[in-house]
Amino acid sequence: MSSQSIQRKSEALTAQMMKAAETEDFETAARLRNEIAELKGPTVRQPPPGQMGLGTHIPVAAPPSDWKRPKKPDPMTRNVKPRGGRS
């Protein structure tokens, strides 16, 4: 489908959905909402339940498969500058 035909169909479905919501036919409105979402295509991947942080609406992004967690630096020996001007 072309983008114009998708837009026209989306607008027609939106009008039908609003009419169904006004008449309190919520099952039809929900079905039309899902059809509109399918027309528009995928948006942000929604994680399965329990994969989101508490109190947030931001999905958790999985790291790439070849990514490795960096080593934690040892605070006692690395990245510590000497104090008092001693070298």
Protein backbone atom coordinates (compact mmCIF):
# COMPACT_ATOMS: atom_id res chain seq x y z
CA MET A 1 0.00 0.00 0.00
CA SER A 2 1.15 3.51 -0.69
CA SER A 3 1.61 6.00 2.13
CA GLN A 4 -1.40 8.03 0.90
CA SER A 5 -3.72 5.02 0.93
CA ILE A 6 -2.45 4.03 4.37
CA GLN A 7 -3.12 7.58 5.57
CA ARG A 8 -6.67 7.59 4.13
CA LYS A 9 -7.48 4.17 5.59
CA SER A 10 -6.02 5.22 8.95
CA GLU A 11 -8.18 8.36 8.99
CA ALA A 12 -11.29 6.35 8.08
CA LEU A 13 -10.58 3.80 10.81
CA THR A 14 -9.94 6.59 13.31
CA ALA A 15 -13.32 8.13 12.50
CA GLN A 16 -15.00 4.73 12.94
CA MET A 17 -13.14 4.22 16.22
CA MET A 18 -14.29 7.61 17.55
CA LYS A 19 -17.87 6.82 16.55
CA ALA A 20 -17.68 3.45 18.29
CA ALA A 21 -16.25 5.07 21.43
CA GLU A 22 -19.04 7.67 21.47
CA THR A 23 -21.63 4.88 21.34
CA GLU A 24 -19.69 3.06 24.07
CA ASP A 25 -18.90 0.06 21.85
CA PHE A 26 -15.44 -0.32 23.33
CA GLU A 27 -14.73 -3.77 21.90
CA THR A 28 -15.13 -2.44 18.36
CA ALA A 29 -13.10 0.65 19.23
CA ALA A 30 -10.27 -1.53 20.59
CA ARG A 31 -10.31 -3.71 17.47
CA LEU A 32 -10.14 -0.61 15.25
CA ARG A 33 -7.31 0.80 17.38
CA ASN A 34 -5.34 -2.40 16.85
CA GLU A 35 -5.97 -2.26 13.08
CA ILE A 36 -4.68 1.33 13.00
CA ALA A 37 -1.56 0.29 14.92
CA GLU A 38 -0.92 -2.52 12.42
CA LEU A 39 -1.27 -0.09 9.52
CA LYS A 40 1.21 2.36 10.99
CA GLY A 41 3.77 -0.38 11.57
CA PRO A 42 6.00 -1.21 14.51
CA THR A 43 7.02 1.56 16.87
CA VAL A 44 9.08 0.94 19.99
CA ARG A 45 9.59 -2.67 20.97
CA GLN A 46 7.61 -3.39 24.10
CA PRO A 47 9.38 -5.73 26.53
CA PRO A 48 7.50 -8.61 28.13
CA PRO A 49 5.89 -7.98 31.52
CA GLY A 50 8.41 -7.74 34.33
CA GLN A 51 11.26 -6.53 32.11
CA MET A 52 10.65 -2.82 32.73
CA GLY A 53 11.93 -0.95 35.73
CA LEU A 54 9.48 -0.11 38.46
CA GLY A 55 7.69 3.18 37.93
CA THR A 56 9.04 3.81 34.44
CA HIS A 57 7.55 3.73 30.97
CA ILE A 58 10.90 3.45 29.17
CA PRO A 59 11.56 -0.01 27.72
CA VAL A 60 14.77 -1.80 28.60
CA ALA A 61 17.11 -2.09 25.61
CA ALA A 62 19.11 -5.29 25.31
CA PRO A 63 22.85 -4.88 24.61
CA PRO A 64 24.28 -6.28 21.36
CA SER A 65 25.08 -10.00 21.42
CA ASP A 66 28.85 -9.45 21.08
CA TRP A 67 29.03 -6.82 23.86
CA LYS A 68 31.05 -7.67 26.97
CA ARG A 69 30.81 -5.88 30.28
CA PRO A 70 34.00 -3.87 30.95
CA LYS A 71 36.16 -4.79 33.92
CA LYS A 72 35.66 -2.72 37.02
CA PRO A 73 38.74 -0.70 37.96
CA ASP A 74 40.46 -1.46 41.24
CA PRO A 75 40.13 1.77 43.28
CA MET A 76 43.13 0.92 45.45
CA THR A 77 45.72 0.71 42.67
CA ARG A 78 44.44 2.15 39.41
CA ASN A 79 43.25 5.61 38.49
CA VAL A 80 44.47 7.02 41.81
CA LYS A 81 46.74 10.07 41.70
CA PRO A 82 49.26 10.42 44.52
CA ARG A 83 48.57 13.17 47.06
CA GLY A 84 50.88 15.82 48.42
CA GLY A 85 53.12 16.26 45.40
CA ARG A 86 54.92 12.94 45.78
CA SER A 87 55.56 11.04 42.59
